[in-house]
N, C-alpha and C. Protein backbone atom coordinates (compact mmCIF):
# COMPACT_ATOMS: atom_id res chain seq x y z
N UNK A 1 -43.88 -19.91 -13.09
CA UNK A 1 -43.60 -19.79 -14.01
C UNK A 1 -45.11 -19.32 -14.74
N UNK A 2 -44.74 -18.49 -16.04
CA UNK A 2 -46.31 -18.60 -16.66
C UNK A 2 -46.25 -19.63 -18.05
N UNK A 3 -46.86 -20.07 -18.63
CA UNK A 3 -46.37 -19.80 -19.67
C UNK A 3 -47.68 -20.29 -20.83
N UNK A 4 -48.04 -19.67 -21.84
CA UNK A 4 -48.70 -19.42 -22.68
C UNK A 4 -50.30 -19.19 -21.58
N UNK A 5 -49.70 -18.66 -20.34
CA UNK A 5 -50.86 -17.89 -19.65
C UNK A 5 -51.41 -19.45 -19.24
N UNK A 6 -50.71 -20.06 -18.22
CA UNK A 6 -50.92 -21.06 -17.55
C UNK A 6 -49.62 -21.14 -16.78
N UNK A 7 -50.18 -21.20 -15.53
CA UNK A 7 -49.17 -21.47 -14.39
C UNK A 7 -48.02 -22.59 -14.42
N UNK A 8 -46.99 -22.55 -13.98
CA UNK A 8 -46.35 -23.87 -14.31
C UNK A 8 -47.13 -24.99 -13.47
N UNK A 9 -47.19 -26.02 -14.36
CA UNK A 9 -47.58 -27.38 -13.59
C UNK A 9 -49.00 -27.48 -13.95
N UNK A 10 -50.01 -26.83 -14.48
CA UNK A 10 -51.39 -26.43 -14.92
C UNK A 10 -51.77 -27.48 -15.96
N UNK A 11 -51.06 -27.41 -16.85
CA UNK A 11 -51.31 -28.69 -17.75
C UNK A 11 -51.29 -30.49 -17.56
N UNK A 12 -50.24 -29.96 -15.88
CA UNK A 12 -50.12 -31.97 -15.30
C UNK A 12 -51.37 -32.25 -14.55
N UNK A 13 -51.76 -30.88 -14.20
CA UNK A 13 -53.34 -30.72 -12.68
C UNK A 13 -54.37 -31.04 -14.24
N UNK A 14 -54.26 -30.24 -15.10
CA UNK A 14 -55.29 -30.81 -15.88
C UNK A 14 -55.48 -32.17 -16.27
N UNK A 15 -54.70 -32.59 -16.70
CA UNK A 15 -54.65 -34.00 -17.30
C UNK A 15 -55.17 -35.08 -16.57
N UNK A 16 -54.22 -34.27 -14.97
CA UNK A 16 -55.15 -35.42 -13.52
C UNK A 16 -56.48 -35.25 -13.60
N UNK A 17 -56.43 -34.40 -13.40
CA UNK A 17 -57.59 -33.69 -13.15
C UNK A 17 -58.96 -34.06 -13.90
N UNK A 18 -58.53 -34.90 -15.65
CA UNK A 18 -59.14 -35.18 -16.06
C UNK A 18 -60.34 -36.36 -16.22
N UNK A 19 -58.98 -37.33 -15.83
CA UNK A 19 -58.55 -39.10 -15.76
C UNK A 19 -58.60 -39.51 -15.73
N UNK A 20 -58.20 -39.21 -17.49
CA UNK A 20 -58.61 -40.53 -18.71
C UNK A 20 -57.21 -40.76 -19.26
N UNK A 21 -56.20 -40.37 -17.94
CA UNK A 21 -55.22 -42.13 -17.33
C UNK A 21 -56.33 -42.98 -17.21
N UNK A 22 -57.43 -42.85 -16.33
CA UNK A 22 -58.35 -44.21 -16.27
C UNK A 22 -58.27 -45.32 -17.21
N UNK A 23 -58.68 -44.61 -18.78
CA UNK A 23 -59.63 -45.33 -19.83
C UNK A 23 -58.34 -45.09 -21.20
N UNK A 24 -56.55 -45.33 -20.22
CA UNK A 24 -55.52 -44.90 -21.44
C UNK A 24 -54.18 -46.08 -21.41
N UNK A 25 -55.26 -47.14 -20.43
CA UNK A 25 -54.43 -48.63 -20.55
C UNK A 25 -52.76 -47.85 -19.32
N UNK A 26 -52.06 -46.55 -19.16
CA UNK A 26 -52.04 -47.04 -18.94
C UNK A 26 -50.17 -46.18 -19.40
N UNK A 27 -50.67 -45.01 -20.58
CA UNK A 27 -49.93 -44.22 -21.22
C UNK A 27 -50.04 -42.80 -20.51
N UNK A 28 -49.34 -42.59 -20.95
CA UNK A 28 -48.37 -41.34 -19.97
C UNK A 28 -49.32 -40.31 -21.12
N UNK A 29 -48.82 -39.07 -21.17
CA UNK A 29 -49.91 -37.74 -21.82
C UNK A 29 -49.06 -37.98 -22.60
N UNK A 30 -47.62 -37.90 -22.93
CA UNK A 30 -46.89 -37.91 -23.72
C UNK A 30 -47.33 -38.95 -24.95
N UNK A 31 -47.49 -40.30 -24.54
CA UNK A 31 -47.16 -41.62 -25.30
C UNK A 31 -48.77 -41.24 -25.91
N UNK A 32 -50.05 -40.78 -25.35
CA UNK A 32 -51.08 -40.69 -26.01
C UNK A 32 -51.34 -39.42 -26.90
N UNK A 33 -50.24 -38.51 -26.69
CA UNK A 33 -50.63 -37.21 -27.73
C UNK A 33 -50.02 -37.62 -28.37
N UNK A 34 -49.08 -38.21 -28.91
CA UNK A 34 -47.71 -38.25 -30.31
C UNK A 34 -48.95 -39.88 -30.56
N UNK A 35 -49.39 -40.63 -29.97
CA UNK A 35 -50.13 -41.26 -30.90
C UNK A 35 -51.07 -41.33 -31.72
N UNK A 36 -51.66 -40.52 -30.50
CA UNK A 36 -52.91 -39.87 -31.26
C UNK A 36 -52.68 -38.84 -32.50
N UNK A 37 -51.61 -38.55 -32.73
CA UNK A 37 -51.19 -37.06 -34.06
C UNK A 37 -50.78 -38.11 -34.27
N UNK A 38 -50.20 -38.95 -34.53
CA UNK A 38 -50.00 -39.74 -35.60
C UNK A 38 -50.71 -40.79 -36.46
N UNK A 39 -51.59 -41.12 -35.03
CA UNK A 39 -52.49 -41.87 -36.62
C UNK A 39 -53.75 -41.09 -36.77
N UNK A 40 -54.13 -39.86 -37.25
CA UNK A 40 -55.13 -39.23 -37.24
C UNK A 40 -54.35 -38.72 -38.60
N UNK A 41 -54.73 -38.99 -40.55
CA UNK A 41 -54.64 -39.11 -41.49
C UNK A 41 -55.32 -37.68 -41.47
N UNK A 42 -55.99 -36.25 -40.63
CA UNK A 42 -56.34 -35.21 -41.08
C UNK A 42 -55.42 -34.30 -40.35
N UNK A 43 -54.48 -34.56 -39.60
CA UNK A 43 -53.19 -33.99 -38.95
C UNK A 43 -52.05 -34.50 -39.62
N UNK A 44 -51.23 -33.55 -39.98
CA UNK A 44 -50.30 -33.86 -40.93
C UNK A 44 -49.04 -33.05 -40.20
N UNK A 45 -48.73 -32.80 -38.58
CA UNK A 45 -48.00 -31.70 -38.64
C UNK A 45 -47.93 -31.42 -37.17
N UNK A 46 -46.80 -32.49 -36.62
CA UNK A 46 -46.62 -32.44 -34.71
C UNK A 46 -45.26 -31.85 -34.55
N UNK A 47 -44.80 -31.41 -33.17
CA UNK A 47 -43.53 -30.33 -33.06
C UNK A 47 -43.38 -31.23 -32.09
N UNK A 48 -42.55 -31.64 -31.38
CA UNK A 48 -42.06 -32.29 -30.68
C UNK A 48 -40.79 -31.70 -30.47
N UNK A 49 -39.97 -31.44 -29.20
CA UNK A 49 -39.05 -30.99 -28.91
C UNK A 49 -38.11 -31.82 -27.49
N UNK A 50 -36.89 -31.68 -27.65
CA UNK A 50 -36.54 -31.97 -25.91
C UNK A 50 -34.48 -31.98 -25.75
N UNK A 51 -34.84 -31.75 -25.15
CA UNK A 51 -33.21 -32.08 -24.63
C UNK A 51 -31.97 -33.39 -23.36
N UNK A 52 -33.57 -33.59 -23.54
CA UNK A 52 -33.17 -35.08 -22.67
C UNK A 52 -33.17 -36.69 -23.25
N UNK A 53 -31.48 -37.38 -24.26
CA UNK A 53 -32.09 -38.22 -24.48
C UNK A 53 -32.61 -39.35 -23.54
N UNK A 54 -32.95 -39.40 -22.66
CA UNK A 54 -34.37 -40.57 -23.20
C UNK A 54 -35.26 -39.93 -22.81
N UNK A 55 -35.96 -39.25 -22.74
CA UNK A 55 -37.11 -38.56 -23.20
C UNK A 55 -37.20 -38.87 -24.87
N UNK A 56 -36.17 -38.92 -25.29
CA UNK A 56 -35.95 -38.59 -26.79
C UNK A 56 -36.32 -40.13 -27.39
N UNK A 57 -35.32 -41.03 -26.91
CA UNK A 57 -35.59 -42.60 -26.90
C UNK A 57 -37.14 -42.53 -26.91
N UNK A 58 -37.78 -42.63 -25.36
CA UNK A 58 -39.57 -42.84 -25.18
C UNK A 58 -40.23 -42.50 -26.43
N UNK A 59 -39.99 -40.92 -26.32
CA UNK A 59 -40.37 -40.48 -27.82
C UNK A 59 -40.62 -41.48 -29.22
N UNK A 60 -39.69 -41.80 -29.14
CA UNK A 60 -39.91 -42.91 -31.03
C UNK A 60 -40.23 -44.10 -30.51
N UNK A 61 -39.66 -44.69 -29.26
CA UNK A 61 -40.83 -45.69 -29.04
C UNK A 61 -42.28 -45.61 -29.55
N UNK A 62 -42.92 -44.92 -28.31
CA UNK A 62 -43.71 -44.63 -28.56
C UNK A 62 -44.46 -44.10 -29.23
N UNK A 63 -43.66 -43.35 -30.40
CA UNK A 63 -44.19 -42.67 -31.76
C UNK A 63 -44.22 -44.14 -33.10
N UNK A 64 -43.67 -45.60 -32.39
CA UNK A 64 -43.77 -46.36 -32.98
C UNK A 64 -44.93 -47.86 -33.15
N UNK A 65 -45.41 -47.18 -31.60
CA UNK A 65 -46.64 -47.59 -31.77
C UNK A 65 -48.58 -47.42 -32.16
N UNK A 66 -47.98 -45.99 -32.61
CA UNK A 66 -48.99 -45.64 -32.78
C UNK A 66 -49.08 -46.80 -34.73
N UNK A 67 -51.02 -46.63 -34.52
CA UNK A 67 -50.38 -46.97 -36.57
C UNK A 67 -49.97 -46.32 -37.62
N UNK A 68 -49.81 -47.33 -38.10
CA UNK A 68 -48.48 -46.70 -39.66
C UNK A 68 -50.18 -45.82 -40.18
N UNK A 69 -49.58 -44.68 -40.80
CA UNK A 69 -50.30 -44.27 -42.97
C UNK A 69 -49.13 -44.58 -42.99
N UNK A 70 -49.80 -44.22 -44.70
CA UNK A 70 -49.37 -44.75 -46.41
C UNK A 70 -49.90 -43.44 -47.05
N UNK A 71 -49.05 -42.62 -47.46
CA UNK A 71 -50.11 -42.59 -49.23
C UNK A 71 -49.48 -42.90 -50.10
N UNK A 72 -50.56 -43.07 -50.50
CA UNK A 72 -50.82 -44.05 -51.72
C UNK A 72 -51.87 -43.11 -52.72
N UNK A 73 -51.01 -42.48 -53.55
CA UNK A 73 -52.07 -41.60 -55.38
C UNK A 73 -52.85 -40.95 -54.56
N UNK A 74 -52.01 -40.06 -53.98
CA UNK A 74 -52.63 -38.59 -53.30
C UNK A 74 -53.41 -38.83 -51.75
N UNK A 75 -54.01 -40.00 -51.80
CA UNK A 75 -54.88 -40.77 -51.02
C UNK A 75 -54.22 -41.17 -49.41
N UNK A 76 -54.51 -40.66 -48.31
CA UNK A 76 -53.53 -41.35 -46.92
C UNK A 76 -54.52 -42.37 -46.43
N UNK A 77 -54.05 -43.73 -46.22
CA UNK A 77 -54.42 -44.61 -46.42
C UNK A 77 -54.83 -44.81 -44.78
N UNK A 78 -54.81 -45.16 -43.73
CA UNK A 78 -54.26 -46.29 -42.45
C UNK A 78 -53.76 -47.82 -42.62
N UNK A 79 -52.70 -47.82 -41.72
CA UNK A 79 -51.96 -49.11 -41.75
C UNK A 79 -51.67 -49.40 -40.68
N UNK A 80 -52.45 -50.76 -40.64
CA UNK A 80 -52.54 -50.82 -38.35
C UNK A 80 -51.29 -52.20 -38.92
């Protein structure tokens, strides 16, 4: 099956070939993406979907590990 021009499993293969897992302290790809996106003040939107309740719980737990951001008088500041 092809999705967005990639063969099924292509994303996983690219992740494994990148050797990023070696420097992320055991984070899986989803945890890395969630925490990265939530910690970046210049990113305002993330779309996450699942039909698996276990994945939902894991995503929420991973997102809670990300540094918090707060908006103060129209300016975003990081809260660790």
